[in-house]
Amino acid sequence: MRDPRLGHAILNRRMLICIFTGFSSGLPLFILINLLPAWLRSSHVDLKAIGLFALIQLPYTWKFAWAPFMDRFTWANFGRRRGWMLFSQLALLGCVPLFGWLTPGTEIWTVAAVALCLAFLSASQDVALDAFRREILSDAELGLGTAIHVNAYKVAGLVPGSLALILADHLPWKDVFTITGAFMLPGIAMTLLVKEPAIRRGAPRTLREAVIEPFREFIVRQGWREALIILAFIFLYKLGDSMATALATPFYLDLGFSKSTIGLIAKQAGLWPSVIGGLLGGIWMVRLGINRALWLFGAVQLAAILGFAWLAKAGHNEVVLAWVIGLEALGVGLGTAAFTAYIARTTHPLYTATQFALFTSLSAVPRSLFNALTGYLVDALGWFSFFLLCACLAVPGMLLLMRVAPWSARDDISPGALEATAARLAIPDLEEEP
């Protein structure tokens, strides 16, 4: 029997907007994760130093610190969400080409400074985009909308991870970074064309309200023990695959694959599994619910990590490389979609930006801190043992699903629970202001 929720969830303008939010969010991050390490490795920078560049991504772990300011203040006359979206996107458009004017061998600290600026702007864009997306999607649309966002997020990775690598074999790096940065333009166009979300209340009246209340509401709603378990799950669920993919491009290069080969195979083997898998994942989440999706997609994500170990044993084998890139695009993409939907569901409608930033910041800690150790771990263990370690690190997050997202439990947030929490905190009515 046809589910009427499915057609309504797919056929609306908000799903199209999610494509643009995902692409804009993913592009700068994958420049840092894929293109920057490839550029540094091609310039003969030491692998340990490249691993330490993961520390440049620390702004992703601290974005909750300035998210309240983005909730409290507006930029220009575009509204709270669109104003900050436009500001960060324009700044990113100008920042990315700066790499092309630098020489890693002699200006490594300047490269690090530009990368840190890029990470800060990208993390700030994520705060605005996440809040914007959460506020335009209904709870029924959350699973599919998040899956489309994450799917577009992964497709954006093909620009620095595929197109830019191919161009790097034929063009100077200055042109490569300029062309890559120009892909921020679709997101800027989207920001100019969409409307500011209909808010359920005005901006926080004071900085105290913007900073303190989001944290207080989460603790009161969940209780201290449950809140700590949820935070532990958010920290651990993506730990293994985040570490496994941190040095993926240098790993492929060390196996002897050329940049063009990596780019072409990533385009062919990574694009379609990501697109098809992401869309199917969103549809499955409408039917399965977010809880069961976390279980099933997490298992595929774990299999994708083991695929890297398979490639480490197989060596220079283009068929295996294609399978591994395809499985990674499918598995990690599905896991990210369910995980991001879970985070969105956990936020309170009144504190979207700050709570979303807090949770996604915590999930980014492994990418920023633990990934900095990956170069040393590979040097000590070798690629095969390193990927087995990553697979083991993915298990604790899966085990916590028994507590935070039981297979048989309802996976929606009761409006009554939100209203009860609002009453205990003396939060204004959740209805829209006239």
Protein backbone atom coordinates (compact mmCIF):
# COMPACT_ATOMS: atom_id res chain seq x y z
CA MET A 1 0.00 0.00 0.00
CA ARG A 2 1.36 3.40 -0.96
CA ASP A 3 2.43 5.58 1.98
CA PRO A 4 0.91 9.08 1.44
CA ARG A 5 3.65 10.60 3.61
CA LEU A 6 6.25 9.49 1.07
CA GLY A 7 4.91 11.44 -1.89
CA HIS A 8 4.33 14.54 0.20
CA ALA A 9 7.85 14.32 1.67
CA ILE A 10 9.53 13.99 -1.73
CA LEU A 11 7.53 16.34 -3.93
CA ASN A 12 8.09 19.74 -2.38
CA ARG A 13 10.39 22.73 -2.76
CA ARG A 14 12.07 22.18 0.59
CA MET A 15 13.73 18.99 -0.68
CA LEU A 16 15.28 21.00 -3.54
CA ILE A 17 16.62 23.53 -1.04
CA CYS A 18 18.22 20.66 0.91
CA ILE A 19 20.30 19.82 -2.18
CA PHE A 20 21.83 23.29 -2.17
CA THR A 21 22.37 23.40 1.61
CA GLY A 22 24.16 20.05 1.48
CA PHE A 23 26.38 21.00 -1.47
CA SER A 24 27.36 24.33 0.09
CA SER A 25 28.12 22.69 3.43
CA GLY A 26 30.17 19.83 2.02
CA LEU A 27 32.39 21.70 -0.45
CA PRO A 28 34.68 23.59 1.98
CA LEU A 29 35.01 20.62 4.32
CA PHE A 30 36.07 18.28 1.52
CA ILE A 31 38.57 20.88 0.34
CA LEU A 32 40.19 20.48 3.75
CA ILE A 33 39.80 16.70 3.87
CA ASN A 34 40.59 15.71 0.26
CA LEU A 35 42.13 18.49 -1.81
CA LEU A 36 44.42 20.05 0.78
CA PRO A 37 46.11 16.72 1.76
CA ALA A 38 46.55 15.82 -1.95
CA TRP A 39 48.12 19.23 -2.63
CA LEU A 40 50.44 18.92 0.38
CA ARG A 41 51.42 15.33 -0.48
CA SER A 42 52.11 16.31 -4.10
CA SER A 43 54.37 19.04 -2.73
CA HIS A 44 56.27 16.37 -0.74
CA VAL A 45 55.03 17.42 2.69
CA ASP A 46 55.60 14.73 5.33
CA LEU A 47 52.64 12.40 6.03
CA LYS A 48 52.81 13.11 9.77
CA ALA A 49 52.55 16.83 9.09
CA ILE A 50 49.56 16.23 6.81
CA GLY A 51 47.90 14.25 9.60
CA LEU A 52 48.46 17.13 12.01
CA PHE A 53 46.60 19.39 9.60
CA ALA A 54 43.44 17.74 10.96
CA LEU A 55 43.86 20.11 13.92
CA ILE A 56 43.00 22.92 11.50
CA GLN A 57 39.44 21.59 11.66
CA LEU A 58 39.09 22.51 15.35
CA PRO A 59 36.56 25.28 14.55
CA TYR A 60 34.08 22.51 13.70
CA THR A 61 34.35 21.30 17.31
CA TRP A 62 33.94 24.78 18.79
CA LYS A 63 31.23 26.26 16.61
CA PHE A 64 28.73 25.94 19.47
CA ALA A 65 30.75 28.69 21.20
CA TRP A 66 29.74 31.36 18.69
CA ALA A 67 26.44 29.83 17.54
CA PRO A 68 24.54 31.81 20.25
CA PHE A 69 25.87 35.06 18.76
CA MET A 70 24.53 33.98 15.36
CA ASP A 71 21.19 33.31 17.08
CA ARG A 72 21.20 36.65 18.89
CA PHE A 73 22.37 39.00 16.12
CA THR A 74 21.44 39.42 12.48
CA TRP A 75 23.72 40.31 9.56
CA ALA A 76 22.53 42.98 7.13
CA ASN A 77 18.81 42.84 6.27
CA PHE A 78 18.62 39.21 5.22
CA GLY A 79 17.41 37.78 8.54
CA ARG A 80 19.19 35.63 11.10
CA ARG A 81 19.67 32.53 8.96
CA ARG A 82 20.04 33.96 5.45
CA GLY A 83 22.25 36.82 6.59
CA TRP A 84 24.85 34.58 8.19
CA MET A 85 24.59 32.10 5.33
CA LEU A 86 25.37 34.82 2.79
CA PHE A 87 28.20 36.34 4.82
CA SER A 88 30.00 32.99 5.29
CA GLN A 89 29.46 31.90 1.68
CA LEU A 90 30.87 35.11 0.22
CA ALA A 91 33.87 34.88 2.55
CA LEU A 92 34.47 31.26 1.52
CA LEU A 93 34.30 32.25 -2.14
CA GLY A 94 37.17 34.63 -1.53
CA CYS A 95 39.17 32.36 0.79
CA VAL A 96 39.56 29.15 -1.24
CA PRO A 97 41.60 30.64 -4.14
CA LEU A 98 44.20 31.95 -1.66
CA PHE A 99 45.77 28.48 -1.42
CA GLY A 100 46.83 28.67 -5.06
CA TRP A 101 49.10 31.64 -4.33
CA LEU A 102 51.07 29.76 -1.64
CA THR A 103 53.98 27.30 -1.73
CA PRO A 104 53.60 24.54 0.93
CA GLY A 105 57.31 23.80 1.11
CA THR A 106 58.26 27.31 2.25
CA GLU A 107 54.97 28.80 3.49
CA ILE A 108 53.48 25.95 5.48
CA TRP A 109 52.43 28.20 8.39
CA THR A 110 50.65 30.58 6.01
CA VAL A 111 48.91 27.58 4.46
CA ALA A 112 47.83 26.54 7.98
CA ALA A 113 46.50 30.04 8.71
CA VAL A 114 44.42 30.12 5.51
CA ALA A 115 43.14 26.60 6.23
CA LEU A 116 42.15 27.66 9.75
CA CYS A 117 40.27 30.65 8.34
CA LEU A 118 38.53 28.37 5.83
CA ALA A 119 37.52 25.96 8.61
CA PHE A 120 36.13 28.81 10.74
CA LEU A 121 34.06 30.19 7.87
CA SER A 122 32.86 26.70 6.90
CA ALA A 123 31.85 25.86 10.48
CA SER A 124 29.99 29.19 10.73
CA GLN A 125 28.17 28.44 7.48
CA ASP A 126 27.18 25.04 8.91
CA VAL A 127 25.63 26.71 11.98
CA ALA A 128 23.40 28.87 9.79
CA LEU A 129 22.61 26.15 7.22
CA ASP A 130 21.75 23.52 9.85
CA ALA A 131 19.41 25.88 11.67
CA PHE A 132 17.83 27.02 8.40
CA ARG A 133 17.26 23.45 7.21
CA ARG A 134 15.84 22.32 10.56
CA GLU A 135 13.42 25.23 10.63
CA ILE A 136 12.03 24.73 7.12
CA LEU A 137 11.50 20.95 7.49
CA SER A 138 8.59 19.40 9.35
CA ASP A 139 9.27 16.42 11.60
CA ALA A 140 7.79 14.10 8.95
CA GLU A 141 10.23 15.47 6.35
CA LEU A 142 13.27 15.36 8.61
CA GLY A 143 14.59 11.93 7.62
CA LEU A 144 14.35 12.40 3.86
CA GLY A 145 15.39 16.05 3.95
CA THR A 146 18.48 15.19 5.97
CA ALA A 147 19.32 12.30 3.64
CA ILE A 148 19.10 14.59 0.61
CA HIS A 149 21.24 17.19 2.40
CA VAL A 150 23.89 14.59 3.29
CA ASN A 151 23.70 13.10 -0.20
CA ALA A 152 24.39 16.50 -1.77
CA TYR A 153 27.08 16.99 0.88
CA LYS A 154 28.81 13.84 -0.37
CA VAL A 155 28.37 14.80 -4.03
CA ALA A 156 30.08 18.11 -3.22
CA GLY A 157 33.09 16.05 -2.18
CA LEU A 158 33.51 14.98 -5.80
CA VAL A 159 34.54 18.53 -6.73
CA PRO A 160 37.71 18.67 -4.58
CA GLY A 161 38.03 14.87 -4.46
CA SER A 162 37.59 14.12 -8.16
CA LEU A 163 37.33 17.09 -10.52
CA ALA A 164 40.06 19.11 -8.81
CA LEU A 165 42.44 16.14 -8.73
CA ILE A 166 41.96 15.58 -12.45
CA LEU A 167 42.49 19.27 -13.15
CA ALA A 168 45.65 19.24 -10.99
CA ASP A 169 47.35 16.96 -13.53
CA HIS A 170 46.73 19.52 -16.28
CA LEU A 171 46.48 22.98 -14.68
CA PRO A 172 48.49 25.00 -12.13
CA TRP A 173 47.26 24.67 -8.54
CA LYS A 174 46.30 28.37 -8.59
CA ASP A 175 43.70 27.65 -11.29
CA VAL A 176 42.56 24.46 -9.55
CA PHE A 177 41.73 26.28 -6.30
CA THR A 178 40.04 29.15 -8.14
CA ILE A 179 37.78 26.77 -10.09
CA THR A 180 37.03 24.76 -6.95
CA GLY A 181 36.12 27.88 -4.98
CA ALA A 182 33.73 29.00 -7.72
CA PHE A 183 31.47 26.07 -6.83
CA MET A 184 30.30 28.15 -3.84
CA LEU A 185 28.24 30.23 -6.31
CA PRO A 186 25.19 27.88 -6.44
CA GLY A 187 24.85 28.12 -2.66
CA ILE A 188 25.06 31.90 -2.80
CA ALA A 189 22.33 31.96 -5.44
CA MET A 190 20.15 29.71 -3.27
CA THR A 191 20.60 32.01 -0.26
CA LEU A 192 19.55 35.04 -2.31
CA LEU A 193 16.44 33.32 -3.69
CA VAL A 194 14.96 31.58 -0.62
CA LYS A 195 12.90 33.21 2.09
CA GLU A 196 13.83 33.46 5.75
CA PRO A 197 12.13 30.64 7.72
CA ALA A 198 8.93 31.44 9.58
CA ILE A 199 10.22 31.61 13.14
CA ARG A 200 8.39 30.34 16.18
CA ARG A 201 9.60 33.23 18.26
CA GLY A 202 11.85 36.25 17.88
CA ALA A 203 15.61 36.27 18.31
CA PRO A 204 16.88 35.79 21.88
CA ARG A 205 16.51 39.06 23.75
CA THR A 206 19.83 38.77 25.61
CA LEU A 207 23.11 36.92 25.19
CA ARG A 208 22.35 35.04 28.39
CA GLU A 209 19.15 33.73 26.86
CA ALA A 210 21.05 32.80 23.68
CA VAL A 211 23.91 31.06 25.50
CA ILE A 212 22.49 29.49 28.68
CA GLU A 213 18.95 28.42 27.85
CA PRO A 214 19.76 25.96 25.00
CA PHE A 215 22.06 23.95 27.28
CA ARG A 216 19.68 24.17 30.24
CA GLU A 217 16.72 23.02 28.16
CA PHE A 218 18.57 19.95 26.88
CA ILE A 219 19.66 18.88 30.38
CA VAL A 220 16.18 19.43 31.86
CA ARG A 221 14.45 17.57 29.01
CA GLN A 222 16.75 14.54 29.05
CA GLY A 223 18.06 14.42 32.61
CA TRP A 224 21.78 14.41 33.41
CA ARG A 225 22.38 10.68 32.93
CA GLU A 226 20.49 10.35 29.67
CA ALA A 227 22.03 13.59 28.36
CA LEU A 228 25.55 12.26 28.98
CA ILE A 229 24.72 8.97 27.23
CA ILE A 230 23.36 10.86 24.21
CA LEU A 231 26.48 13.03 24.08
CA ALA A 232 28.69 9.92 24.31
CA PHE A 233 26.80 8.35 21.40
CA ILE A 234 27.15 11.51 19.30
CA PHE A 235 30.89 11.48 20.00
CA LEU A 236 31.44 7.80 19.21
CA TYR A 237 29.07 6.90 16.34
CA LYS A 238 31.22 8.45 13.57
CA LEU A 239 34.62 8.01 15.24
CA GLY A 240 35.74 4.96 13.25
CA ASP A 241 34.78 6.10 9.77
CA SER A 242 36.03 9.64 10.44
CA MET A 243 39.50 8.30 11.20
CA ALA A 244 39.39 5.80 8.33
CA THR A 245 38.69 8.50 5.73
CA ALA A 246 41.02 11.15 7.19
CA LEU A 247 43.98 10.10 5.03
CA ALA A 248 42.07 8.38 2.22
CA THR A 249 43.61 10.40 -0.62
CA PRO A 250 47.22 10.06 0.66
CA PHE A 251 46.46 6.34 1.15
CA TYR A 252 45.45 5.98 -2.51
CA LEU A 253 48.52 7.95 -3.60
CA ASP A 254 50.81 5.76 -1.47
CA LEU A 255 49.38 2.69 -3.20
CA GLY A 256 50.62 4.13 -6.50
CA PHE A 257 47.39 5.50 -8.00
CA SER A 258 47.74 8.75 -9.94
CA LYS A 259 45.63 11.79 -9.06
CA SER A 260 43.72 11.46 -12.34
CA THR A 261 42.98 7.77 -11.67
CA ILE A 262 41.71 8.56 -8.19
CA GLY A 263 39.60 11.39 -9.54
CA LEU A 264 38.08 9.39 -12.38
CA ILE A 265 37.31 6.34 -10.23
CA ALA A 266 35.89 8.55 -7.47
CA LYS A 267 33.63 10.18 -10.06
CA GLN A 268 32.38 6.90 -11.51
CA ALA A 269 32.35 4.65 -8.46
CA GLY A 270 31.55 7.27 -5.83
CA LEU A 271 28.90 9.42 -7.48
CA TRP A 272 26.16 6.94 -8.26
CA PRO A 273 26.32 4.91 -5.03
CA SER A 274 26.21 8.21 -3.16
CA VAL A 275 23.26 9.60 -5.14
CA ILE A 276 21.20 6.39 -5.31
CA GLY A 277 22.10 5.27 -1.80
CA GLY A 278 21.35 8.67 -0.33
CA LEU A 279 17.92 8.87 -1.94
CA LEU A 280 17.04 5.29 -1.02
CA GLY A 281 18.31 5.92 2.49
CA GLY A 282 16.00 8.89 2.86
CA ILE A 283 13.02 6.91 1.59
CA TRP A 284 13.89 4.03 3.91
CA MET A 285 14.07 6.44 6.84
CA VAL A 286 10.52 7.60 6.10
CA ARG A 287 9.39 3.96 6.34
CA LEU A 288 11.81 2.57 8.93
CA GLY A 289 12.19 5.56 11.21
CA ILE A 290 15.45 7.11 12.32
CA ASN A 291 16.17 4.54 15.06
CA ARG A 292 16.24 1.50 12.79
CA ALA A 293 18.09 3.46 10.11
CA LEU A 294 20.88 4.14 12.63
CA TRP A 295 21.25 0.38 13.17
CA LEU A 296 21.12 -0.69 9.53
CA PHE A 297 23.14 2.18 8.05
CA GLY A 298 25.68 1.92 10.87
CA ALA A 299 26.32 -1.70 9.89
CA VAL A 300 26.93 -0.67 6.26
CA GLN A 301 29.22 2.10 7.51
CA LEU A 302 31.27 -0.48 9.44
CA ALA A 303 31.55 -2.64 6.32
CA ALA A 304 32.84 0.40 4.41
CA ILE A 305 35.65 0.84 6.95
CA LEU A 306 36.67 -2.80 6.49
CA GLY A 307 36.76 -2.13 2.74
CA PHE A 308 39.78 0.11 3.27
CA ALA A 309 41.57 -2.77 5.00
CA TRP A 310 40.73 -4.96 1.99
CA LEU A 311 42.29 -2.40 -0.36
CA ALA A 312 45.39 -2.16 1.84
CA LYS A 313 45.89 -5.91 1.33
CA ALA A 314 45.00 -5.85 -2.38
CA GLY A 315 47.44 -3.03 -3.15
CA HIS A 316 47.41 -1.30 -6.56
CA ASN A 317 44.17 -2.76 -7.88
CA GLU A 318 41.79 -0.41 -9.68
CA VAL A 319 38.81 -2.76 -9.42
CA VAL A 320 39.18 -3.03 -5.64
CA LEU A 321 39.70 0.74 -5.45
CA ALA A 322 36.41 1.27 -7.29
CA TRP A 323 34.58 -1.10 -4.93
CA VAL A 324 36.06 0.57 -1.86
CA ILE A 325 35.24 4.11 -3.03
CA GLY A 326 31.72 3.04 -3.96
CA LEU A 327 31.14 1.25 -0.65
CA GLU A 328 32.53 4.22 1.27
CA ALA A 329 30.24 6.62 -0.61
CA LEU A 330 27.24 4.40 0.09
CA GLY A 331 27.96 3.26 3.65
CA VAL A 332 29.39 6.40 5.17
CA GLY A 333 26.79 8.51 3.36
CA LEU A 334 23.92 6.43 4.73
CA GLY A 335 25.37 6.45 8.24
CA THR A 336 25.83 10.21 8.13
CA ALA A 337 22.25 10.74 6.91
CA ALA A 338 20.70 8.76 9.76
CA PHE A 339 23.09 10.29 12.30
CA THR A 340 22.38 13.87 11.20
CA ALA A 341 18.62 13.19 11.27
CA TYR A 342 19.01 11.89 14.83
CA ILE A 343 20.85 15.07 15.85
CA ALA A 344 18.17 17.25 14.24
CA ARG A 345 15.46 15.29 16.05
CA THR A 346 17.24 15.79 19.37
CA THR A 347 17.19 19.60 19.10
CA HIS A 348 14.41 21.73 20.59
CA PRO A 349 12.58 23.98 18.07
CA LEU A 350 13.35 27.09 20.11
CA TYR A 351 17.11 26.52 20.23
CA THR A 352 17.87 25.00 16.84
CA ALA A 353 21.10 26.81 15.98
CA THR A 354 22.90 26.47 19.31
CA GLN A 355 21.84 22.91 20.13
CA PHE A 356 22.49 21.71 16.56
CA ALA A 357 25.91 23.38 16.69
CA LEU A 358 26.65 21.78 20.07
CA PHE A 359 25.82 18.26 18.90
CA THR A 360 27.57 18.51 15.54
CA SER A 361 30.58 20.10 17.25
CA LEU A 362 30.86 17.09 19.52
CA SER A 363 30.61 14.73 16.55
CA ALA A 364 33.43 16.69 14.86
CA VAL A 365 35.86 16.21 17.77
CA PRO A 366 37.21 12.89 16.38
CA ARG A 367 37.73 14.51 12.97
CA SER A 368 39.73 17.34 14.51
CA LEU A 369 41.62 15.76 17.39
CA PHE A 370 41.87 12.01 16.80
CA ASN A 371 42.46 12.43 13.07
CA ALA A 372 45.56 14.44 13.90
CA LEU A 373 47.05 11.19 15.21
CA THR A 374 46.27 9.16 12.10
CA GLY A 375 49.61 9.88 10.41
CA TYR A 376 51.45 8.59 13.49
CA LEU A 377 49.16 5.55 13.77
CA VAL A 378 49.72 4.62 10.11
CA ASP A 379 53.46 5.06 10.57
CA ALA A 380 53.41 2.73 13.59
CA LEU A 381 50.81 0.15 12.48
CA GLY A 382 50.77 0.21 8.69
CA TRP A 383 47.65 0.84 6.63
CA PHE A 384 45.99 -2.56 7.11
CA SER A 385 46.20 -2.63 10.92
CA PHE A 386 45.22 1.02 11.07
CA PHE A 387 41.94 0.36 9.25
CA LEU A 388 41.20 -2.63 11.49
CA LEU A 389 41.66 -0.30 14.47
CA CYS A 390 39.20 2.14 12.90
CA ALA A 391 36.65 -0.66 12.52
CA CYS A 392 37.04 -1.55 16.21
CA LEU A 393 36.53 2.09 17.18
CA ALA A 394 33.21 2.09 15.34
CA VAL A 395 31.76 -0.65 17.58
CA PRO A 396 31.16 1.30 20.86
CA GLY A 397 28.90 3.81 19.10
CA MET A 398 26.87 0.95 17.64
CA LEU A 399 26.49 -0.62 21.08
CA LEU A 400 25.10 2.63 22.52
CA LEU A 401 22.23 2.39 20.04
CA MET A 402 20.62 -0.09 22.44
CA ARG A 403 20.17 2.84 24.84
CA VAL A 404 19.69 5.96 22.70
CA ALA A 405 17.82 4.47 19.72
CA PRO A 406 16.31 1.05 20.55
CA TRP A 407 15.21 -0.88 17.49
CA SER A 408 11.59 -1.26 18.64
CA ALA A 409 11.11 2.16 20.26
CA ARG A 410 9.18 5.09 18.80
CA ASP A 411 11.64 7.50 17.24
CA ASP A 412 9.76 10.75 17.25
CA ILE A 413 9.78 13.43 19.94
CA SER A 414 6.43 13.84 21.61
CA PRO A 415 5.05 17.39 21.38
CA GLY A 416 3.79 16.86 24.91
CA ALA A 417 7.34 16.23 26.11
CA LEU A 418 8.53 19.45 24.51
CA GLU A 419 5.63 21.39 25.99
CA ALA A 420 6.28 19.92 29.44
CA THR A 421 9.92 20.94 29.23
CA ALA A 422 8.94 24.40 28.01
CA ALA A 423 6.59 24.81 30.98
CA ARG A 424 9.27 23.77 33.47
CA LEU A 425 11.69 26.28 31.96
CA ALA A 426 9.06 29.01 31.53
CA ILE A 427 9.77 29.10 27.78
CA PRO A 428 7.30 31.14 25.66
CA ASP A 429 4.60 29.33 23.74
CA LEU A 430 5.83 27.19 20.84
CA GLU A 431 3.18 28.54 18.49
CA GLU A 432 4.24 31.08 15.85
CA GLU A 433 3.92 34.72 16.75
CA PRO A 434 1.15 36.58 14.94
